[in-house]
């Protein structure tokens, strides 16, 4: 896997984050300063935040709190699922890239 492919996946994650209205503007500046590790950590934290929000919405709906509609809960759960699947695919591609680098002849 090439560096450009990894950059492409990271760009897709950023686009997904913007579409799901995650608070990433302040943390994006931190990610640019910290390099790849900081960007990866930020992405994982964003995925976790989306999942926590979705589970909170589901719990609020189950408890019958006013202002929480089923369609909003379902959309939030789908956003969390897509964010997790994207993170999983990035992880798989990173593992593949690492294995390719380790198998290179010196």
C-alpha atoms as a PDB file:
ATOM      1  CA  UNK A   1       0.000   0.000   0.000  1.00  0.00           C
ATOM      2  CA  UNK A   2       1.373   3.367  -0.932  1.00  0.00           C
ATOM      3  CA  UNK A   3       1.499   6.535   1.122  1.00  0.00           C
ATOM      4  CA  UNK A   4      -0.968   8.174  -1.252  1.00  0.00           C
ATOM      5  CA  UNK A   5      -3.504   5.416  -0.547  1.00  0.00           C
ATOM      6  CA  UNK A   6      -3.175   5.998   3.196  1.00  0.00           C
ATOM      7  CA  UNK A   7      -3.536   9.747   2.677  1.00  0.00           C
ATOM      8  CA  UNK A   8      -6.646   9.080   0.595  1.00  0.00           C
ATOM      9  CA  UNK A   9      -8.199   7.033   3.396  1.00  0.00           C
ATOM     10  CA  UNK A  10      -7.379   9.747   5.931  1.00  0.00           C
ATOM     11  CA  UNK A  11      -9.016  12.333   3.664  1.00  0.00           C
ATOM     12  CA  UNK A  12     -12.113  10.151   3.447  1.00  0.00           C
ATOM     13  CA  UNK A  13     -12.182   9.968   7.255  1.00  0.00           C
ATOM     14  CA  UNK A  14     -11.961  13.764   7.468  1.00  0.00           C
ATOM     15  CA  UNK A  15     -14.803  14.110   4.974  1.00  0.00           C
ATOM     16  CA  UNK A  16     -16.916  11.645   6.932  1.00  0.00           C
ATOM     17  CA  UNK A  17     -16.173  13.557  10.118  1.00  0.00           C
ATOM     18  CA  UNK A  18     -17.348  16.809   8.551  1.00  0.00           C
ATOM     19  CA  UNK A  19     -20.495  15.190   7.195  1.00  0.00           C
ATOM     20  CA  UNK A  20     -21.414  13.778  10.588  1.00  0.00           C
ATOM     21  CA  UNK A  21     -20.847  17.204  12.193  1.00  0.00           C
ATOM     22  CA  UNK A  22     -18.136  16.016  14.562  1.00  0.00           C
ATOM     23  CA  UNK A  23     -16.197  18.730  16.380  1.00  0.00           C
ATOM     24  CA  UNK A  24     -12.939  18.385  14.489  1.00  0.00           C
ATOM     25  CA  UNK A  25     -11.872  21.939  13.613  1.00  0.00           C
ATOM     26  CA  UNK A  26      -9.809  22.516  16.765  1.00  0.00           C
ATOM     27  CA  UNK A  27      -8.466  18.994  16.882  1.00  0.00           C
ATOM     28  CA  UNK A  28      -7.534  19.091  13.175  1.00  0.00           C
ATOM     29  CA  UNK A  29      -4.989  21.811  13.920  1.00  0.00           C
ATOM     30  CA  UNK A  30      -3.524  19.639  16.674  1.00  0.00           C
ATOM     31  CA  UNK A  31      -3.396  16.679  14.276  1.00  0.00           C
ATOM     32  CA  UNK A  32      -1.450  18.689  11.721  1.00  0.00           C
ATOM     33  CA  UNK A  33       1.139  19.562  14.345  1.00  0.00           C
ATOM     34  CA  UNK A  34       1.475  16.045  15.768  1.00  0.00           C
ATOM     35  CA  UNK A  35       1.806  14.116  12.519  1.00  0.00           C
ATOM     36  CA  UNK A  36       0.347  10.743  11.679  1.00  0.00           C
ATOM     37  CA  UNK A  37       0.085   9.410  15.246  1.00  0.00           C
ATOM     38  CA  UNK A  38      -1.852  12.474  16.406  1.00  0.00           C
ATOM     39  CA  UNK A  39      -4.154  12.259  13.380  1.00  0.00           C
ATOM     40  CA  UNK A  40      -4.830   8.594  14.082  1.00  0.00           C
ATOM     41  CA  UNK A  41      -5.529   9.288  17.748  1.00  0.00           C
ATOM     42  CA  UNK A  42      -7.854  12.160  16.818  1.00  0.00           C
ATOM     43  CA  UNK A  43      -9.746   9.942  14.395  1.00  0.00           C
ATOM     44  CA  UNK A  44     -10.188   7.233  17.012  1.00  0.00           C
ATOM     45  CA  UNK A  45     -11.406   9.797  19.540  1.00  0.00           C
ATOM     46  CA  UNK A  46     -13.881  11.171  16.974  1.00  0.00           C
ATOM     47  CA  UNK A  47     -15.220   7.674  16.285  1.00  0.00           C
ATOM     48  CA  UNK A  48     -15.611   7.111  20.009  1.00  0.00           C
ATOM     49  CA  UNK A  49     -17.453  10.417  20.419  1.00  0.00           C
ATOM     50  CA  UNK A  50     -19.895   9.564  17.613  1.00  0.00           C
ATOM     51  CA  UNK A  51     -20.557   6.155  19.154  1.00  0.00           C
ATOM     52  CA  UNK A  52     -21.068   7.603  22.635  1.00  0.00           C
ATOM     53  CA  UNK A  53     -23.508  10.181  21.255  1.00  0.00           C
ATOM     54  CA  UNK A  54     -25.472   7.500  19.403  1.00  0.00           C
ATOM     55  CA  UNK A  55     -25.666   5.243  22.452  1.00  0.00           C
ATOM     56  CA  UNK A  56     -26.750   8.205  24.575  1.00  0.00           C
ATOM     57  CA  UNK A  57     -29.508   9.018  22.089  1.00  0.00           C
ATOM     58  CA  UNK A  58     -30.648   5.377  22.096  1.00  0.00           C
ATOM     59  CA  UNK A  59     -30.733   5.296  25.876  1.00  0.00           C
ATOM     60  CA  UNK A  60     -32.673   8.564  26.009  1.00  0.00           C
ATOM     61  CA  UNK A  61     -35.209   7.167  23.538  1.00  0.00           C
ATOM     62  CA  UNK A  62     -35.574   3.950  25.548  1.00  0.00           C
ATOM     63  CA  UNK A  63     -36.193   5.966  28.696  1.00  0.00           C
ATOM     64  CA  UNK A  64     -38.888   7.964  26.905  1.00  0.00           C
ATOM     65  CA  UNK A  65     -37.243  11.369  27.228  1.00  0.00           C
ATOM     66  CA  UNK A  66     -39.068  14.073  25.276  1.00  0.00           C
ATOM     67  CA  UNK A  67     -37.478  15.460  22.133  1.00  0.00           C
ATOM     68  CA  UNK A  68     -35.757  12.213  21.104  1.00  0.00           C
ATOM     69  CA  UNK A  69     -37.301  10.745  17.960  1.00  0.00           C
ATOM     70  CA  UNK A  70     -36.741   7.226  16.713  1.00  0.00           C
ATOM     71  CA  UNK A  71     -35.566   8.430  13.296  1.00  0.00           C
ATOM     72  CA  UNK A  72     -32.872  10.586  14.927  1.00  0.00           C
ATOM     73  CA  UNK A  73     -31.701   7.613  16.983  1.00  0.00           C
ATOM     74  CA  UNK A  74     -31.542   5.399  13.890  1.00  0.00           C
ATOM     75  CA  UNK A  75     -29.588   7.991  11.903  1.00  0.00           C
ATOM     76  CA  UNK A  76     -27.124   8.491  14.764  1.00  0.00           C
ATOM     77  CA  UNK A  77     -26.656   4.732  15.110  1.00  0.00           C
ATOM     78  CA  UNK A  78     -25.953   4.449  11.373  1.00  0.00           C
ATOM     79  CA  UNK A  79     -23.437   7.297  11.555  1.00  0.00           C
ATOM     80  CA  UNK A  80     -21.696   5.510  14.420  1.00  0.00           C
ATOM     81  CA  UNK A  81     -21.666   2.262  12.472  1.00  0.00           C
ATOM     82  CA  UNK A  82     -20.213   3.912   9.365  1.00  0.00           C
ATOM     83  CA  UNK A  83     -17.565   5.714  11.420  1.00  0.00           C
ATOM     84  CA  UNK A  84     -16.569   2.444  13.072  1.00  0.00           C
ATOM     85  CA  UNK A  85     -16.450   0.563   9.773  1.00  0.00           C
ATOM     86  CA  UNK A  86     -14.290   3.304   8.262  1.00  0.00           C
ATOM     87  CA  UNK A  87     -11.899   3.118  11.215  1.00  0.00           C
ATOM     88  CA  UNK A  88     -11.776  -0.656  10.893  1.00  0.00           C
ATOM     89  CA  UNK A  89     -10.918  -0.413   7.194  1.00  0.00           C
ATOM     90  CA  UNK A  90      -8.163   2.111   7.929  1.00  0.00           C
ATOM     91  CA  UNK A  91      -6.757  -0.229  10.553  1.00  0.00           C
ATOM     92  CA  UNK A  92      -6.833  -3.140   8.088  1.00  0.00           C
ATOM     93  CA  UNK A  93      -5.056  -1.098   5.437  1.00  0.00           C
ATOM     94  CA  UNK A  94      -2.433   0.078   7.911  1.00  0.00           C
ATOM     95  CA  UNK A  95      -1.747  -3.501   8.977  1.00  0.00           C
ATOM     96  CA  UNK A  96      -1.428  -4.530   5.337  1.00  0.00           C
ATOM     97  CA  UNK A  97       0.948  -1.641   4.639  1.00  0.00           C
ATOM     98  CA  UNK A  98       3.025  -2.524   7.705  1.00  0.00           C
ATOM     99  CA  UNK A  99       3.252  -6.151   6.585  1.00  0.00           C
ATOM    100  CA  UNK A 100       4.336  -5.079   3.106  1.00  0.00           C
ATOM    101  CA  UNK A 101       7.049  -2.826   4.529  1.00  0.00           C
ATOM    102  CA  UNK A 102       8.279  -5.611   6.815  1.00  0.00           C
ATOM    103  CA  UNK A 103       8.463  -8.039   3.865  1.00  0.00           C
ATOM    104  CA  UNK A 104      10.617  -5.696   1.754  1.00  0.00           C
ATOM    105  CA  UNK A 105      14.055  -7.028   0.916  1.00  0.00           C
ATOM    106  CA  UNK A 106      16.805  -5.009   2.543  1.00  0.00           C
END
